């Protein structure tokens, strides 16, 4: 049995993280995403169990008490968390599990699982980030300014990640993202799980 990778992908709101991860999932069948739990309301087009597991604050609190989360954090007055069982189950099936996660959650996971690969997606500029948030048409002017303020704090954490990808050209950023994810599969830790490699190396 080959144990899959754990891949952490973070970015400020509007940097294109979700679009890049979605495209990566379409390009590589070995990649899967761990669906997070959240207390926020679904956006238009989002489905429960697909985009997020949408739960109320009471349910989320019970899951914290039961130590069901690998990590959890509060972002923009809503809570987000990653289920331990979902991540471990998929990795045990040999799948590379992607966590779309904020920088606080990524720090928690890295502390628990130092073998995780961490990737931070950056916008080409603050102005480009603002333009993307405006073009969504889903945020008020006040919300956009708040998110831009948070983005500065989030991007300050980027130096703690293993890889940085600037999403200026989407296709280029996608190629870079896939390269990082696929390169990890050739690591000694992953390859020496293979019976044929163990035999070859006398392990």
Protein backbone atom coordinates (compact mmCIF):
# COMPACT_ATOMS: atom_id res chain seq x y z
CA UNK A 1 0.00 0.00 0.00
CA UNK A 2 1.32 3.43 -0.95
CA UNK A 3 0.37 6.23 1.40
CA UNK A 4 -0.56 9.41 -0.48
CA UNK A 5 0.85 12.89 0.03
CA UNK A 6 -0.73 15.66 2.04
CA UNK A 7 -0.62 18.92 0.09
CA UNK A 8 -1.53 22.26 1.70
CA UNK A 9 -2.58 25.10 -0.62
CA UNK A 10 -3.12 28.58 0.79
CA UNK A 11 -3.73 32.01 -0.71
CA UNK A 12 -5.40 35.33 0.05
CA UNK A 13 -9.03 35.61 -1.08
CA UNK A 14 -9.11 36.42 -4.80
CA UNK A 15 -5.70 34.99 -5.70
CA UNK A 16 -7.26 32.14 -7.70
CA UNK A 17 -6.55 29.24 -5.36
CA UNK A 18 -9.90 27.50 -5.83
CA UNK A 19 -9.79 27.78 -9.63
CA UNK A 20 -6.24 26.43 -9.76
CA UNK A 21 -7.00 23.52 -7.46
CA UNK A 22 -10.13 22.66 -9.48
CA UNK A 23 -8.11 22.61 -12.70
CA UNK A 24 -5.40 20.48 -11.07
CA UNK A 25 -8.02 17.95 -9.95
CA UNK A 26 -9.33 17.69 -13.51
CA UNK A 27 -5.81 17.18 -14.85
CA UNK A 28 -4.63 14.50 -12.43
CA UNK A 29 -6.90 11.67 -11.18
CA UNK A 30 -4.55 10.84 -8.30
CA UNK A 31 -5.30 14.21 -6.72
CA UNK A 32 -8.31 14.61 -4.46
CA UNK A 33 -9.46 17.42 -2.21
CA UNK A 34 -10.40 17.08 1.44
CA UNK A 35 -13.79 18.73 1.82
CA UNK A 36 -13.66 21.09 4.80
CA UNK A 37 -16.40 21.79 7.32
CA UNK A 38 -17.56 25.39 7.67
CA UNK A 39 -20.17 27.42 9.50
CA UNK A 40 -20.56 29.96 6.70
CA UNK A 41 -23.59 30.03 4.42
CA UNK A 42 -23.29 28.37 0.98
CA UNK A 43 -22.58 30.69 -1.94
CA UNK A 44 -24.54 30.44 -5.17
CA UNK A 45 -23.71 27.17 -6.91
CA UNK A 46 -22.01 25.53 -3.92
CA UNK A 47 -23.14 22.07 -2.83
CA UNK A 48 -23.02 20.51 0.62
CA UNK A 49 -20.47 17.70 0.69
CA UNK A 50 -18.87 18.87 -2.54
CA UNK A 51 -17.55 22.37 -1.88
CA UNK A 52 -17.85 22.20 1.91
CA UNK A 53 -19.65 20.33 4.63
CA UNK A 54 -21.94 23.14 5.82
CA UNK A 55 -22.69 22.85 9.54
CA UNK A 56 -23.99 25.17 12.25
CA UNK A 57 -21.88 26.55 15.10
CA UNK A 58 -23.19 23.98 17.60
CA UNK A 59 -22.22 21.05 15.38
CA UNK A 60 -18.81 22.58 14.73
CA UNK A 61 -18.27 23.03 18.46
CA UNK A 62 -19.14 19.40 19.15
CA UNK A 63 -16.62 18.30 16.53
CA UNK A 64 -13.91 20.37 18.20
CA UNK A 65 -14.75 18.83 21.57
CA UNK A 66 -14.58 15.38 20.02
CA UNK A 67 -11.15 16.18 18.52
CA UNK A 68 -12.46 15.34 15.06
CA UNK A 69 -10.50 18.09 13.32
CA UNK A 70 -6.95 17.96 12.06
CA UNK A 71 -7.07 21.75 12.19
CA UNK A 72 -9.65 24.48 12.55
CA UNK A 73 -9.68 28.26 12.43
CA UNK A 74 -11.93 31.29 12.32
CA UNK A 75 -11.84 33.44 9.18
CA UNK A 76 -14.11 36.43 8.50
CA UNK A 77 -16.37 35.49 11.45
CA UNK A 78 -16.85 31.94 10.15
CA UNK A 79 -15.21 28.73 11.26
CA UNK A 80 -13.46 26.20 9.04
CA UNK A 81 -12.04 22.79 9.88
CA UNK A 82 -10.55 19.69 8.28
CA UNK A 83 -11.75 16.24 9.35
CA UNK A 84 -8.99 13.87 10.45
CA UNK A 85 -10.84 10.79 9.22
CA UNK A 86 -11.44 12.15 5.71
CA UNK A 87 -7.78 13.00 5.20
CA UNK A 88 -6.39 9.74 6.57
CA UNK A 89 -8.90 7.61 4.67
CA UNK A 90 -8.01 9.13 1.32
CA UNK A 91 -4.27 8.98 1.93
CA UNK A 92 -4.54 5.32 2.90
CA UNK A 93 -6.08 4.73 -0.54
CA UNK A 94 -2.92 6.11 -2.12
CA UNK A 95 -4.49 9.41 -3.12
CA UNK A 96 -2.70 12.75 -2.80
CA UNK A 97 -4.95 14.85 -0.60
CA UNK A 98 -5.14 18.60 -1.14
CA UNK A 99 -6.22 20.87 1.70
CA UNK A 100 -7.40 24.28 0.56
CA UNK A 101 -6.56 25.98 3.79
CA UNK A 102 -5.85 29.38 5.32
CA UNK A 103 -2.40 30.20 6.66
CA UNK A 104 -3.38 29.62 10.28
CA UNK A 105 -4.69 26.14 9.54
CA UNK A 106 -1.64 25.36 7.43
CA UNK A 107 0.62 26.22 10.39
CA UNK A 108 -1.36 23.83 12.60
CA UNK A 109 -1.11 21.00 10.08
CA UNK A 110 2.60 21.55 9.40
CA UNK A 111 3.28 21.29 13.14
CA UNK A 112 1.44 17.94 13.29
CA UNK A 113 2.57 16.60 9.92
CA UNK A 114 5.98 17.97 8.92
CA UNK A 115 5.98 15.77 5.81
CA UNK A 116 3.11 17.81 4.30
CA UNK A 117 3.94 19.83 1.18
CA UNK A 118 2.88 23.47 1.54
CA UNK A 119 2.18 25.81 -1.40
CA UNK A 120 1.17 29.48 -1.26
CA UNK A 121 -0.55 31.12 -4.24
CA UNK A 122 0.23 34.81 -4.68
CA UNK A 123 -1.48 37.42 -6.88
CA UNK A 124 0.81 39.42 -9.18
CA UNK A 125 -0.04 42.60 -7.24
CA UNK A 126 -2.44 44.03 -4.66
CA UNK A 127 -4.21 45.91 -7.45
CA UNK A 128 -4.77 42.67 -9.37
CA UNK A 129 -6.15 41.12 -6.20
CA UNK A 130 -8.59 44.01 -5.73
CA UNK A 131 -9.67 43.82 -9.38
CA UNK A 132 -10.44 40.11 -9.01
CA UNK A 133 -12.46 40.64 -5.84
CA UNK A 134 -14.49 43.39 -7.53
CA UNK A 135 -15.09 41.29 -10.66
CA UNK A 136 -16.64 38.51 -8.57
CA UNK A 137 -19.59 40.76 -7.84
CA UNK A 138 -20.15 38.90 -4.57
CA UNK A 139 -18.57 41.31 -2.10
CA UNK A 140 -19.48 44.77 -0.84
CA UNK A 141 -16.94 47.59 -1.01
CA UNK A 142 -16.49 47.29 2.75
CA UNK A 143 -15.93 43.54 2.48
CA UNK A 144 -13.37 43.99 -0.29
CA UNK A 145 -11.35 46.46 1.77
CA UNK A 146 -11.46 44.11 4.73
CA UNK A 147 -10.25 41.22 2.60
CA UNK A 148 -7.42 43.31 1.17
CA UNK A 149 -6.34 44.15 4.70
CA UNK A 150 -6.39 40.47 5.62
CA UNK A 151 -4.46 39.65 2.43
CA UNK A 152 -1.45 41.64 3.64
CA UNK A 153 -1.37 39.60 6.85
CA UNK A 154 -1.84 36.34 4.97
CA UNK A 155 0.90 37.08 2.44
CA UNK A 156 3.33 37.86 5.27
CA UNK A 157 3.08 34.16 6.17
CA UNK A 158 3.99 33.02 2.65
CA UNK A 159 7.71 32.75 3.49
CA UNK A 160 6.87 29.83 5.81
CA UNK A 161 5.59 27.71 2.91
CA UNK A 162 7.68 25.29 0.86
CA UNK A 163 6.67 26.72 -2.53
CA UNK A 164 5.40 30.06 -3.84
CA UNK A 165 3.44 30.35 -7.10
CA UNK A 166 2.44 33.69 -8.62
CA UNK A 167 -0.90 33.43 -10.39
CA UNK A 168 -0.40 36.06 -13.08
CA UNK A 169 -1.04 33.77 -16.04
CA UNK A 170 -3.46 30.99 -15.08
CA UNK A 171 -2.10 28.31 -17.43
CA UNK A 172 1.48 28.91 -16.29
CA UNK A 173 0.48 28.86 -12.62
CA UNK A 174 -1.41 25.58 -13.16
CA UNK A 175 1.64 23.93 -14.76
CA UNK A 176 3.79 25.06 -11.84
CA UNK A 177 1.25 23.80 -9.29
CA UNK A 178 1.04 20.38 -10.94
CA UNK A 179 4.83 20.15 -11.18
CA UNK A 180 5.19 20.68 -7.43
CA UNK A 181 2.48 18.15 -6.60
CA UNK A 182 3.83 15.47 -8.94
CA UNK A 183 7.45 15.94 -7.96
CA UNK A 184 6.57 15.04 -4.40
CA UNK A 185 5.54 11.56 -5.55
CA UNK A 186 9.16 10.82 -6.42
CA UNK A 187 10.38 11.54 -2.90
CA UNK A 188 12.31 8.79 -1.17
CA UNK A 189 9.61 8.54 1.52
CA UNK A 190 6.93 7.81 -1.09
CA UNK A 191 8.96 5.62 -3.43
CA UNK A 192 10.30 3.34 -0.70
CA UNK A 193 6.71 2.31 0.08
CA UNK A 194 6.67 0.41 -3.24
CA UNK A 195 7.38 -3.34 -2.86
CA UNK A 196 9.57 -3.40 -5.97
CA UNK A 197 11.66 -0.51 -4.68
CA UNK A 198 12.01 -2.15 -1.28
CA UNK A 199 13.23 -5.33 -2.96
CA UNK A 200 15.66 -3.43 -5.19
CA UNK A 201 17.13 -1.56 -2.24
CA UNK A 202 17.09 -4.52 0.12
CA UNK A 203 14.73 -2.88 2.57
